[in-house]
Amino acid sequence: MPTTITQVEDQTRGKTILHVSGSITLDDALFLEKIALEMRAKLGKNLTIDLADLHFLDSDGAPVIRRLEDEHNFEIEGLMIFLQKIVEETEAT
């Protein structure tokens, strides 16, 4: 399943959200990181990354998602419990 990244403006919460659906491999995660960093620099505000419709996250892409949250301080939403556990376990190795 291809990866789709859509920018959404949440007026209620005053947030710009990158909605990600499909699957994420290492290349997809690196592309998402590049887009998010460029958008944050251009907009001058932080973004939220919504992964609620993500169906697959490979073990190589998981550390990049973790880096977006831990090192780049993006808010990550919508990670299902098992995906969150995979990301945390990948970080531990």
Foldseek 3Di string as FASTA:
>chain_A
DDKDWDWDQDPVVRAIETEIAEEDEQVNLVVVLVVQVVVCVVVVHHHEYEDQRYDYYDLNSLCSVVCCCPVVNHHYDRDDPVSVVSSVVSVVD
